[in-house]
C-alpha atoms as a PDB file:
ATOM      1  CA  MET A   1     -14.786  53.963   6.698  1.00  0.00           C
ATOM      2  CA  ASN A   2     -15.159  51.891   3.552  1.00  0.00           C
ATOM      3  CA  TRP A   3     -11.421  52.152   2.887  1.00  0.00           C
ATOM      4  CA  LEU A   4     -10.710  50.760   6.362  1.00  0.00           C
ATOM      5  CA  TYR A   5     -12.960  47.760   5.765  1.00  0.00           C
ATOM      6  CA  ARG A   6     -11.245  47.173   2.440  1.00  0.00           C
ATOM      7  CA  VAL A   7      -7.821  47.273   4.109  1.00  0.00           C
ATOM      8  CA  LEU A   8      -8.948  44.887   6.848  1.00  0.00           C
ATOM      9  CA  PHE A   9     -10.533  42.546   4.314  1.00  0.00           C
ATOM     10  CA  THR A  10      -7.357  42.566   2.194  1.00  0.00           C
ATOM     11  CA  CYS A  11      -5.204  41.797   5.239  1.00  0.00           C
ATOM     12  CA  LEU A  12      -7.461  38.955   6.376  1.00  0.00           C
ATOM     13  CA  LEU A  13      -7.588  37.559   2.854  1.00  0.00           C
ATOM     14  CA  GLY A  14      -3.799  37.680   2.702  1.00  0.00           C
ATOM     15  CA  VAL A  15      -3.506  35.781   5.993  1.00  0.00           C
ATOM     16  CA  PHE A  16      -6.017  33.179   4.780  1.00  0.00           C
ATOM     17  CA  MET A  17      -4.223  32.706   1.479  1.00  0.00           C
ATOM     18  CA  ALA A  18      -0.844  32.424   3.187  1.00  0.00           C
ATOM     19  CA  GLN A  19      -2.203  29.706   5.487  1.00  0.00           C
ATOM     20  CA  HIS A  20      -3.916  27.975   2.573  1.00  0.00           C
ATOM     21  CA  LEU A  21      -0.817  27.996   0.404  1.00  0.00           C
ATOM     22  CA  GLU A  22       1.355  26.815   3.309  1.00  0.00           C
ATOM     23  CA  ALA A  23      -0.963  23.847   3.746  1.00  0.00           C
ATOM     24  CA  GLN A  24      -0.389  22.688   0.183  1.00  0.00           C
ATOM     25  CA  ILE A  25       2.780  20.624   0.488  1.00  0.00           C
ATOM     26  CA  THR A  26       4.516  19.984  -2.810  1.00  0.00           C
ATOM     27  CA  ALA A  27       7.807  18.244  -3.530  1.00  0.00           C
ATOM     28  CA  VAL A  28       9.610  16.650  -6.464  1.00  0.00           C
ATOM     29  CA  ASN A  29      11.159  13.212  -6.040  1.00  0.00           C
ATOM     30  CA  THR A  30      14.414  11.977  -7.563  1.00  0.00           C
ATOM     31  CA  SER A  31      12.543  10.778 -10.660  1.00  0.00           C
ATOM     32  CA  GLY A  32      11.209  14.274 -11.299  1.00  0.00           C
ATOM     33  CA  GLU A  33       7.639  13.395 -10.295  1.00  0.00           C
ATOM     34  CA  THR A  34       5.612  15.931  -8.351  1.00  0.00           C
ATOM     35  CA  ILE A  35       4.214  14.810  -5.008  1.00  0.00           C
ATOM     36  CA  GLU A  36       1.445  16.973  -3.615  1.00  0.00           C
ATOM     37  CA  ALA A  37      -0.066  16.510  -0.167  1.00  0.00           C
ATOM     38  CA  LEU A  38      -3.340  18.395   0.155  1.00  0.00           C
ATOM     39  CA  PRO A  39      -5.484  18.926   3.262  1.00  0.00           C
ATOM     40  CA  LEU A  40      -8.428  16.547   3.238  1.00  0.00           C
ATOM     41  CA  ALA A  41     -11.025  19.133   4.128  1.00  0.00           C
ATOM     42  CA  ASN A  42     -13.992  16.753   4.054  1.00  0.00           C
ATOM     43  CA  ALA A  43     -12.404  14.104   6.275  1.00  0.00           C
ATOM     44  CA  ASN A  44     -14.590  13.147   9.220  1.00  0.00           C
ATOM     45  CA  ILE A  45     -11.936  13.328  11.924  1.00  0.00           C
ATOM     46  CA  SER A  46     -12.292  14.533  15.499  1.00  0.00           C
ATOM     47  CA  SER A  47      -8.898  16.154  15.930  1.00  0.00           C
ATOM     48  CA  GLY A  48      -5.741  17.162  14.103  1.00  0.00           C
ATOM     49  CA  GLU A  49      -5.406  17.654  10.373  1.00  0.00           C
ATOM     50  CA  LEU A  50      -5.323  15.067   7.603  1.00  0.00           C
ATOM     51  CA  PHE A  51      -3.308  15.431   4.405  1.00  0.00           C
ATOM     52  CA  ARG A  52      -3.558  13.114   1.412  1.00  0.00           C
ATOM     53  CA  VAL A  53      -1.259  12.226  -1.458  1.00  0.00           C
ATOM     54  CA  GLU A  54      -3.237  10.554  -4.214  1.00  0.00           C
ATOM     55  CA  LYS A  55      -1.267   7.791  -5.950  1.00  0.00           C
ATOM     56  CA  PHE A  56       2.037   8.445  -4.227  1.00  0.00           C
ATOM     57  CA  PRO A  57       4.479   7.625  -7.084  1.00  0.00           C
ATOM     58  CA  SER A  58       6.803   4.626  -6.975  1.00  0.00           C
ATOM     59  CA  LYS A  59       9.363   2.831  -9.092  1.00  0.00           C
ATOM     60  CA  PHE A  60       8.942  -0.285  -6.960  1.00  0.00           C
ATOM     61  CA  ILE A  61       5.223  -0.970  -6.647  1.00  0.00           C
ATOM     62  CA  THR A  62       1.776   0.135  -7.778  1.00  0.00           C
ATOM     63  CA  PRO A  63       1.263   3.729  -6.523  1.00  0.00           C
ATOM     64  CA  ARG A  64      -1.386   4.127  -3.869  1.00  0.00           C
ATOM     65  CA  THR A  65      -2.913   6.773  -1.639  1.00  0.00           C
ATOM     66  CA  VAL A  66      -0.962   7.897   1.421  1.00  0.00           C
ATOM     67  CA  ASP A  67      -2.555   9.851   4.289  1.00  0.00           C
ATOM     68  CA  ILE A  68      -0.624  11.962   6.788  1.00  0.00           C
ATOM     69  CA  TRP A  69      -2.275  12.871  10.082  1.00  0.00           C
ATOM     70  CA  LEU A  70      -0.890  15.770  12.105  1.00  0.00           C
ATOM     71  CA  PRO A  71      -1.934  16.157  15.750  1.00  0.00           C
ATOM     72  CA  ASP A  72      -3.556  19.250  17.203  1.00  0.00           C
ATOM     73  CA  GLY A  73      -1.013  21.985  17.738  1.00  0.00           C
ATOM     74  CA  TYR A  74       1.421  20.571  15.200  1.00  0.00           C
ATOM     75  CA  SER A  75       4.283  23.025  14.839  1.00  0.00           C
ATOM     76  CA  LYS A  76       7.436  23.101  12.753  1.00  0.00           C
ATOM     77  CA  SER A  77       9.236  24.330  15.842  1.00  0.00           C
ATOM     78  CA  LYS A  78       8.758  20.893  17.440  1.00  0.00           C
ATOM     79  CA  LYS A  79       9.903  17.432  16.371  1.00  0.00           C
ATOM     80  CA  TYR A  80       7.552  14.449  16.180  1.00  0.00           C
ATOM     81  CA  ALA A  81       7.899  10.684  16.159  1.00  0.00           C
ATOM     82  CA  VAL A  82       6.361   8.951  13.133  1.00  0.00           C
ATOM     83  CA  LEU A  83       4.032   5.966  13.098  1.00  0.00           C
ATOM     84  CA  TYR A  84       3.708   4.243   9.708  1.00  0.00           C
ATOM     85  CA  MET A  85       0.542   2.165   9.422  1.00  0.00           C
ATOM     86  CA  HIS A  86      -0.680  -0.304   6.794  1.00  0.00           C
ATOM     87  CA  ASP A  87      -4.270  -0.324   5.476  1.00  0.00           C
ATOM     88  CA  GLY A  88      -4.319   3.461   5.808  1.00  0.00           C
ATOM     89  CA  GLN A  89      -7.871   3.786   4.465  1.00  0.00           C
ATOM     90  CA  MET A  90      -9.213   2.148   7.648  1.00  0.00           C
ATOM     91  CA  LEU A  91      -7.610   4.431  10.223  1.00  0.00           C
ATOM     92  CA  PHE A  92      -9.532   7.687  10.522  1.00  0.00           C
ATOM     93  CA  ASP A  93     -12.969   7.933   8.914  1.00  0.00           C
ATOM     94  CA  ALA A  94     -15.605   5.192   9.190  1.00  0.00           C
ATOM     95  CA  SER A  95     -17.899   7.002   6.756  1.00  0.00           C
ATOM     96  CA  VAL A  96     -15.656   5.999   3.832  1.00  0.00           C
ATOM     97  CA  THR A  97     -14.559   2.475   4.834  1.00  0.00           C
ATOM     98  CA  TRP A  98     -16.022  -0.666   3.299  1.00  0.00           C
ATOM     99  CA  ASN A  99     -17.373  -1.961   6.637  1.00  0.00           C
ATOM    100  CA  HIS A 100     -18.131   1.435   8.241  1.00  0.00           C
ATOM    101  CA  GLN A 101     -15.511   0.792  10.925  1.00  0.00           C
ATOM    102  CA  GLU A 102     -12.266   2.625  11.693  1.00  0.00           C
ATOM    103  CA  TRP A 103      -9.288   2.397  14.040  1.00  0.00           C
ATOM    104  CA  LYS A 104     -10.090   5.846  15.524  1.00  0.00           C
ATOM    105  CA  VAL A 105      -6.402   6.669  15.372  1.00  0.00           C
ATOM    106  CA  ASP A 106      -6.947  10.416  15.629  1.00  0.00           C
ATOM    107  CA  GLU A 107      -9.133  10.112  18.731  1.00  0.00           C
ATOM    108  CA  VAL A 108      -6.845   7.677  20.547  1.00  0.00           C
ATOM    109  CA  ALA A 109      -3.567   9.348  19.594  1.00  0.00           C
ATOM    110  CA  SER A 110      -4.855  12.781  20.565  1.00  0.00           C
ATOM    111  CA  GLU A 111      -6.011  11.616  23.979  1.00  0.00           C
ATOM    112  CA  LEU A 112      -2.682   9.892  24.688  1.00  0.00           C
ATOM    113  CA  MET A 113      -0.703  12.999  23.761  1.00  0.00           C
ATOM    114  CA  LYS A 114      -2.954  15.347  25.730  1.00  0.00           C
ATOM    115  CA  SER A 115      -2.612  13.157  28.819  1.00  0.00           C
ATOM    116  CA  HIS A 116       1.170  12.999  28.288  1.00  0.00           C
ATOM    117  CA  LYS A 117       1.169   9.220  28.072  1.00  0.00           C
ATOM    118  CA  THR A 118       3.051   9.359  24.776  1.00  0.00           C
ATOM    119  CA  ARG A 119       5.350  11.818  23.080  1.00  0.00           C
ATOM    120  CA  GLY A 120       4.036  13.744  20.112  1.00  0.00           C
ATOM    121  CA  PHE A 121       3.742  11.736  16.901  1.00  0.00           C
ATOM    122  CA  ILE A 122       2.296  11.934  13.423  1.00  0.00           C
ATOM    123  CA  VAL A 123       0.686   9.025  11.591  1.00  0.00           C
ATOM    124  CA  VAL A 124       1.325   8.004   7.998  1.00  0.00           C
ATOM    125  CA  GLY A 125      -1.294   5.637   6.600  1.00  0.00           C
ATOM    126  CA  ILE A 126      -0.395   3.702   3.448  1.00  0.00           C
ATOM    127  CA  HIS A 127      -3.593   2.579   1.739  1.00  0.00           C
ATOM    128  CA  SER A 128      -3.798  -1.006   0.561  1.00  0.00           C
ATOM    129  CA  ILE A 129      -5.074  -2.175  -2.824  1.00  0.00           C
ATOM    130  CA  SER A 130      -7.578  -4.971  -2.274  1.00  0.00           C
ATOM    131  CA  GLU A 131      -6.589  -6.955  -5.366  1.00  0.00           C
ATOM    132  CA  THR A 132      -2.915  -7.120  -4.377  1.00  0.00           C
ATOM    133  CA  ARG A 133      -3.045  -6.682  -0.594  1.00  0.00           C
ATOM    134  CA  TYR A 134      -2.157 -10.295   0.220  1.00  0.00           C
ATOM    135  CA  ALA A 135       0.882 -10.336  -2.056  1.00  0.00           C
ATOM    136  CA  ASP A 136       1.968  -6.833  -1.029  1.00  0.00           C
ATOM    137  CA  LEU A 137       1.875  -7.498   2.726  1.00  0.00           C
ATOM    138  CA  PHE A 138       3.199 -11.060   2.756  1.00  0.00           C
ATOM    139  CA  PRO A 139       6.724 -11.406   4.265  1.00  0.00           C
ATOM    140  CA  GLN A 140       8.382 -12.307   0.984  1.00  0.00           C
ATOM    141  CA  LYS A 141      11.721 -13.697   2.141  1.00  0.00           C
ATOM    142  CA  ALA A 142      10.006 -16.053   4.594  1.00  0.00           C
ATOM    143  CA  ILE A 143       8.815 -18.072   1.589  1.00  0.00           C
ATOM    144  CA  ASP A 144      12.413 -19.180   1.089  1.00  0.00           C
ATOM    145  CA  TYR A 145      12.351 -20.775   4.553  1.00  0.00           C
ATOM    146  CA  LEU A 146       9.878 -23.393   3.324  1.00  0.00           C
ATOM    147  CA  ASN A 147      11.072 -26.803   2.271  1.00  0.00           C
ATOM    148  CA  PRO A 148      10.494 -27.648  -1.425  1.00  0.00           C
ATOM    149  CA  GLU A 149       7.226 -29.473  -0.739  1.00  0.00           C
ATOM    150  CA  GLY A 150       5.919 -26.703   1.480  1.00  0.00           C
ATOM    151  CA  LYS A 151       6.865 -24.030  -1.013  1.00  0.00           C
ATOM    152  CA  LYS A 152       5.117 -25.884  -3.819  1.00  0.00           C
ATOM    153  CA  ALA A 153       1.973 -26.332  -1.731  1.00  0.00           C
ATOM    154  CA  PHE A 154       1.953 -22.681  -0.667  1.00  0.00           C
ATOM    155  CA  LEU A 155       2.373 -21.336  -4.189  1.00  0.00           C
ATOM    156  CA  ALA A 156      -0.390 -23.653  -5.412  1.00  0.00           C
ATOM    157  CA  TYR A 157      -2.647 -22.290  -2.663  1.00  0.00           C
ATOM    158  CA  ALA A 158      -1.813 -18.675  -3.543  1.00  0.00           C
ATOM    159  CA  GLN A 159      -2.344 -19.240  -7.255  1.00  0.00           C
ATOM    160  CA  LYS A 160      -5.845 -20.667  -6.804  1.00  0.00           C
ATOM    161  CA  ASP A 161      -7.267 -17.163  -6.399  1.00  0.00           C
ATOM    162  CA  ASN A 162      -4.706 -15.438  -8.609  1.00  0.00           C
ATOM    163  CA  PRO A 163      -2.775 -17.569 -11.129  1.00  0.00           C
ATOM    164  CA  ASN A 164      -0.480 -14.608 -11.844  1.00  0.00           C
ATOM    165  CA  ILE A 165       0.231 -13.659  -8.234  1.00  0.00           C
ATOM    166  CA  ILE A 166       3.567 -11.921  -7.657  1.00  0.00           C
ATOM    167  CA  PHE A 167       4.724 -11.476  -4.078  1.00  0.00           C
ATOM    168  CA  LYS A 168       5.926  -7.913  -3.578  1.00  0.00           C
ATOM    169  CA  GLY A 169       6.528  -7.585   0.143  1.00  0.00           C
ATOM    170  CA  ASP A 170      10.114  -6.472  -0.442  1.00  0.00           C
ATOM    171  CA  ALA A 171       9.022  -3.899  -3.021  1.00  0.00           C
ATOM    172  CA  TYR A 172       6.345  -2.627  -0.629  1.00  0.00           C
ATOM    173  CA  LEU A 173       8.980  -2.054   2.038  1.00  0.00           C
ATOM    174  CA  LYS A 174      11.253  -0.255  -0.427  1.00  0.00           C
ATOM    175  CA  TYR A 175       8.287   1.958  -1.286  1.00  0.00           C
ATOM    176  CA  LEU A 176       7.844   2.749   2.402  1.00  0.00           C
ATOM    177  CA  VAL A 177      11.520   3.197   3.304  1.00  0.00           C
ATOM    178  CA  GLU A 178      13.028   4.682   0.146  1.00  0.00           C
ATOM    179  CA  GLU A 179      10.147   6.744  -1.229  1.00  0.00           C
ATOM    180  CA  ILE A 180       7.501   7.577   1.378  1.00  0.00           C
ATOM    181  CA  LYS A 181       9.744   8.061   4.419  1.00  0.00           C
ATOM    182  CA  PRO A 182      12.149  10.538   2.720  1.00  0.00           C
ATOM    183  CA  PHE A 183       9.163  12.655   1.670  1.00  0.00           C
ATOM    184  CA  ILE A 184       7.734  12.626   5.200  1.00  0.00           C
ATOM    185  CA  ASP A 185      11.068  13.526   6.788  1.00  0.00           C
ATOM    186  CA  ALA A 186      11.693  16.319   4.281  1.00  0.00           C
ATOM    187  CA  GLN A 187       8.258  17.924   4.428  1.00  0.00           C
ATOM    188  CA  PHE A 188       7.306  17.472   8.084  1.00  0.00           C
ATOM    189  CA  SER A 189       9.059  18.088  11.378  1.00  0.00           C
ATOM    190  CA  THR A 190      10.081  14.563  12.318  1.00  0.00           C
ATOM    191  CA  LEU A 191      12.397  12.727  14.662  1.00  0.00           C
ATOM    192  CA  LYS A 192      14.386  10.253  12.604  1.00  0.00           C
ATOM    193  CA  SER A 193      15.942   8.089  15.322  1.00  0.00           C
ATOM    194  CA  LEU A 194      15.092   4.408  15.764  1.00  0.00           C
ATOM    195  CA  GLU A 195      12.922   4.829  18.846  1.00  0.00           C
ATOM    196  CA  ASN A 196      10.866   7.464  17.041  1.00  0.00           C
ATOM    197  CA  THR A 197      10.146   5.455  13.885  1.00  0.00           C
ATOM    198  CA  VAL A 198       7.455   2.830  14.371  1.00  0.00           C
ATOM    199  CA  VAL A 199       5.461   0.594  12.026  1.00  0.00           C
ATOM    200  CA  ALA A 200       2.061  -0.950  12.770  1.00  0.00           C
ATOM    201  CA  GLY A 201      -0.715  -3.028  11.268  1.00  0.00           C
ATOM    202  CA  SER A 202      -3.167  -5.849  11.835  1.00  0.00           C
ATOM    203  CA  SER A 203      -3.688  -9.309  10.328  1.00  0.00           C
ATOM    204  CA  MET A 204      -1.576  -9.299   7.128  1.00  0.00           C
ATOM    205  CA  GLY A 205      -0.435  -5.868   8.287  1.00  0.00           C
ATOM    206  CA  GLY A 206       0.729  -7.545  11.490  1.00  0.00           C
ATOM    207  CA  LEU A 207       2.904  -9.873   9.427  1.00  0.00           C
ATOM    208  CA  MET A 208       4.289  -6.955   7.430  1.00  0.00           C
ATOM    209  CA  SER A 209       5.069  -4.985  10.591  1.00  0.00           C
ATOM    210  CA  TRP A 210       7.394  -7.582  12.092  1.00  0.00           C
ATOM    211  CA  TYR A 211       8.834  -8.168   8.621  1.00  0.00           C
ATOM    212  CA  ALA A 212       9.569  -4.442   8.310  1.00  0.00           C
ATOM    213  CA  ILE A 213      11.486  -4.263  11.585  1.00  0.00           C
ATOM    214  CA  CYS A 214      13.425  -7.425  10.700  1.00  0.00           C
ATOM    215  CA  GLU A 215      14.304  -6.236   7.193  1.00  0.00           C
ATOM    216  CA  TYR A 216      15.071  -2.656   8.220  1.00  0.00           C
ATOM    217  CA  PRO A 217      16.230  -2.741  11.861  1.00  0.00           C
ATOM    218  CA  GLU A 218      18.269   0.391  11.195  1.00  0.00           C
ATOM    219  CA  ILE A 219      15.078   2.281  10.282  1.00  0.00           C
ATOM    220  CA  PHE A 220      12.302   0.976  12.543  1.00  0.00           C
ATOM    221  CA  GLY A 221      12.783   0.826  16.282  1.00  0.00           C
ATOM    222  CA  GLY A 222       9.302  -0.420  17.085  1.00  0.00           C
ATOM    223  CA  ALA A 223       6.568  -2.568  15.559  1.00  0.00           C
ATOM    224  CA  ALA A 224       2.950  -3.159  16.555  1.00  0.00           C
ATOM    225  CA  CYS A 225       1.591  -6.425  15.171  1.00  0.00           C
ATOM    226  CA  MET A 226      -2.086  -6.781  16.037  1.00  0.00           C
ATOM    227  CA  SER A 227      -4.033  -9.981  15.344  1.00  0.00           C
ATOM    228  CA  THR A 228      -0.990 -11.226  13.447  1.00  0.00           C
ATOM    229  CA  HIS A 229      -2.050 -13.765  10.836  1.00  0.00           C
ATOM    230  CA  TRP A 230       0.496 -16.421  11.771  1.00  0.00           C
ATOM    231  CA  PRO A 231      -1.139 -19.166   9.637  1.00  0.00           C
ATOM    232  CA  GLY A 232      -0.173 -17.173   6.517  1.00  0.00           C
ATOM    233  CA  ILE A 233      -3.022 -18.801   4.610  1.00  0.00           C
ATOM    234  CA  ASP A 234      -6.585 -19.917   5.326  1.00  0.00           C
ATOM    235  CA  PRO A 235      -6.187 -21.178   8.925  1.00  0.00           C
ATOM    236  CA  GLU A 236      -8.469 -24.130   8.247  1.00  0.00           C
ATOM    237  CA  THR A 237      -6.165 -25.282   5.437  1.00  0.00           C
ATOM    238  CA  PRO A 238      -3.089 -27.256   6.570  1.00  0.00           C
ATOM    239  CA  GLY A 239      -0.041 -25.261   5.532  1.00  0.00           C
ATOM    240  CA  PRO A 240       3.698 -24.800   6.101  1.00  0.00           C
ATOM    241  CA  PHE A 241       3.408 -21.622   8.155  1.00  0.00           C
ATOM    242  CA  PRO A 242       4.052 -20.306  10.782  1.00  0.00           C
ATOM    243  CA  LYS A 243       7.257 -22.351  11.185  1.00  0.00           C
ATOM    244  CA  ALA A 244       8.811 -20.602   8.194  1.00  0.00           C
ATOM    245  CA  PHE A 245       7.894 -17.230   9.728  1.00  0.00           C
ATOM    246  CA  PHE A 246       9.508 -18.198  13.027  1.00  0.00           C
ATOM    247  CA  ASP A 247      12.639 -19.482  11.286  1.00  0.00           C
ATOM    248  CA  TYR A 248      12.943 -16.258   9.312  1.00  0.00           C
ATOM    249  CA  ILE A 249      12.464 -14.082  12.429  1.00  0.00           C
ATOM    250  CA  LYS A 250      15.024 -16.097  14.373  1.00  0.00           C
ATOM    251  CA  ALA A 251      17.566 -15.504  11.590  1.00  0.00           C
ATOM    252  CA  HIS A 252      16.772 -11.768  11.306  1.00  0.00           C
ATOM    253  CA  MET A 253      15.880 -10.880  14.882  1.00  0.00           C
ATOM    254  CA  PRO A 254      16.347  -7.164  15.621  1.00  0.00           C
ATOM    255  CA  LYS A 255      18.485  -6.437  18.672  1.00  0.00           C
ATOM    256  CA  PRO A 256      16.492  -6.298  21.909  1.00  0.00           C
ATOM    257  CA  ASN A 257      18.565  -3.456  23.346  1.00  0.00           C
ATOM    258  CA  SER A 258      17.372  -1.085  20.630  1.00  0.00           C
ATOM    259  CA  HIS A 259      13.999  -2.427  19.450  1.00  0.00           C
ATOM    260  CA  LYS A 260      10.506  -2.993  20.855  1.00  0.00           C
ATOM    261  CA  LEU A 261       7.802  -5.305  19.514  1.00  0.00           C
ATOM    262  CA  TYR A 262       4.148  -5.551  20.436  1.00  0.00           C
ATOM    263  CA  PHE A 263       1.891  -8.484  19.482  1.00  0.00           C
ATOM    264  CA  ASP A 264      -1.680  -9.293  20.416  1.00  0.00           C
ATOM    265  CA  PHE A 265      -4.556 -11.555  19.457  1.00  0.00           C
ATOM    266  CA  GLY A 266      -8.219 -12.041  20.229  1.00  0.00           C
ATOM    267  CA  THR A 267     -10.272 -15.188  20.656  1.00  0.00           C
ATOM    268  CA  LYS A 268     -13.209 -14.790  18.272  1.00  0.00           C
ATOM    269  CA  THR A 269     -13.817 -14.987  14.489  1.00  0.00           C
ATOM    270  CA  LEU A 270     -10.474 -15.243  12.640  1.00  0.00           C
ATOM    271  CA  ASP A 271      -8.563 -14.453  15.826  1.00  0.00           C
ATOM    272  CA  GLN A 272      -9.735 -17.735  17.352  1.00  0.00           C
ATOM    273  CA  TYR A 273      -6.977 -19.464  15.363  1.00  0.00           C
ATOM    274  CA  TYR A 274      -4.142 -17.388  16.881  1.00  0.00           C
ATOM    275  CA  PRO A 275      -3.954 -18.314  20.616  1.00  0.00           C
ATOM    276  CA  LYS A 276      -2.195 -21.608  19.862  1.00  0.00           C
ATOM    277  CA  TYR A 277       0.859 -19.661  18.666  1.00  0.00           C
ATOM    278  CA  GLU A 278       1.219 -17.651  21.888  1.00  0.00           C
ATOM    279  CA  THR A 279       3.768 -19.924  23.560  1.00  0.00           C
ATOM    280  CA  ALA A 280       5.949 -20.246  20.462  1.00  0.00           C
ATOM    281  CA  VAL A 281       5.973 -16.486  19.845  1.00  0.00           C
ATOM    282  CA  ASN A 282       6.864 -15.775  23.466  1.00  0.00           C
ATOM    283  CA  ALA A 283       9.696 -18.300  23.414  1.00  0.00           C
ATOM    284  CA  LEU A 284      11.027 -16.975  20.099  1.00  0.00           C
ATOM    285  CA  PHE A 285      11.565 -13.469  21.471  1.00  0.00           C
ATOM    286  CA  GLN A 286      12.400 -14.300  25.066  1.00  0.00           C
ATOM    287  CA  ASN A 287      15.120 -16.706  23.947  1.00  0.00           C
ATOM    288  CA  ALA A 288      16.589 -13.835  21.925  1.00  0.00           C
ATOM    289  CA  GLY A 289      16.882 -11.659  25.038  1.00  0.00           C
ATOM    290  CA  TYR A 290      13.599  -9.733  24.927  1.00  0.00           C
ATOM    291  CA  THR A 291      11.907  -8.905  28.227  1.00  0.00           C
ATOM    292  CA  SER A 292       8.695  -7.195  29.306  1.00  0.00           C
ATOM    293  CA  ASN A 293      10.489  -3.878  28.746  1.00  0.00           C
ATOM    294  CA  ASN A 294      10.672  -4.385  24.981  1.00  0.00           C
ATOM    295  CA  PHE A 295       8.322  -7.254  24.117  1.00  0.00           C
ATOM    296  CA  MET A 296       4.619  -7.765  24.676  1.00  0.00           C
ATOM    297  CA  ASN A 297       2.228 -10.450  23.432  1.00  0.00           C
ATOM    298  CA  LYS A 298      -1.269  -9.902  24.806  1.00  0.00           C
ATOM    299  CA  LYS A 299      -4.296 -12.164  24.679  1.00  0.00           C
ATOM    300  CA  ILE A 300      -7.483 -10.082  24.436  1.00  0.00           C
ATOM    301  CA  GLU A 301     -10.278 -12.369  25.585  1.00  0.00           C
ATOM    302  CA  GLY A 302     -13.462 -11.951  23.540  1.00  0.00           C
ATOM    303  CA  ALA A 303     -11.907  -9.728  20.867  1.00  0.00           C
ATOM    304  CA  ASP A 304     -12.650 -10.485  17.245  1.00  0.00           C
ATOM    305  CA  HIS A 305     -10.873  -9.731  13.960  1.00  0.00           C
ATOM    306  CA  SER A 306     -12.143  -6.246  13.174  1.00  0.00           C
ATOM    307  CA  GLU A 307     -11.344  -2.542  13.295  1.00  0.00           C
ATOM    308  CA  ALA A 308     -13.955  -2.217  16.024  1.00  0.00           C
ATOM    309  CA  SER A 309     -11.855  -4.529  18.210  1.00  0.00           C
ATOM    310  CA  TRP A 310      -8.489  -3.033  17.276  1.00  0.00           C
ATOM    311  CA  GLN A 311      -9.585   0.530  18.006  1.00  0.00           C
ATOM    312  CA  LYS A 312     -10.529  -0.465  21.552  1.00  0.00           C
ATOM    313  CA  ARG A 313      -6.965  -1.512  22.333  1.00  0.00           C
ATOM    314  CA  ILE A 314      -4.629   0.484  20.119  1.00  0.00           C
ATOM    315  CA  TYR A 315      -3.844   2.695  23.098  1.00  0.00           C
ATOM    316  CA  ILE A 316      -1.819  -0.244  24.444  1.00  0.00           C
ATOM    317  CA  PRO A 317       0.736  -0.522  21.606  1.00  0.00           C
ATOM    318  CA  PHE A 318       0.785   3.256  21.130  1.00  0.00           C
ATOM    319  CA  THR A 319       1.690   3.727  24.797  1.00  0.00           C
ATOM    320  CA  PHE A 320       4.104   0.785  24.884  1.00  0.00           C
ATOM    321  CA  LEU A 321       6.044   1.907  21.805  1.00  0.00           C
ATOM    322  CA  MET A 322       5.955   5.692  22.253  1.00  0.00           C
ATOM    323  CA  ALA A 323       5.723   6.406  25.944  1.00  0.00           C
ATOM    324  CA  ASN A 324       7.208   9.670  27.156  1.00  0.00           C
END
């Protein structure tokens, strides 16, 4: 019987190796650089599978880690919507985050899909780099909507912490749209239509999410902007924002018949500075033709500015933007 055991062992080993090799996703970009997405075996997630590309290469911006989460039952025979999220290191595993908090994206997304409240979707988390996060996620073209005095004051504010600051919001979006997205669409089974391509983030990531849908309305059909940092700077420092943000959005408003936007804000810690913008934000989008079918701006009483707060309510934008 030893020969039979050897045959069975060889067959099982072959199946294991085939699955293992299939899980190692490798591609070469147009610059000839190899991109390898490997399963993150030690990730502390409750469902699905997490892949990671270390230092996803770029000709536009400093390379950074990109995580790809696939839901339970992911199959190449199906097609999935894609949610692109900023601050990707905070989404899945609290054991490796700086504040030991996470968005619990895998838990929430899995439950929504299992209960058929949303269609199937994968999540792509672009990690931020702490030293350049502010400049990377700032809506770059909105700076040009400042008057000369406001622009001078803003740049002076930004240069206090970093005299050599270079705003790279446009480069960050090119990285996402021209480098990361083509890889995702080529290597995973994705739906590429507007309504199935969504971008999301909080705070500075909230700013970058509405900026993304305004800059690339042909790519992103939905945006979730949580605890959006409308002041743009320290909220206790008088500054020229958010008027410049509103003026930019008004000039680049995505069409309401093909786009959906979600905003929210809490009332504690940093979020305490956001409720005063509620009326202006509502008017901005409603005057452009948005209704409750494609625009939401929720006040979350008692919520603070943290992953612990965002994870409690992310089911709302997920359901709003990707309902079945």
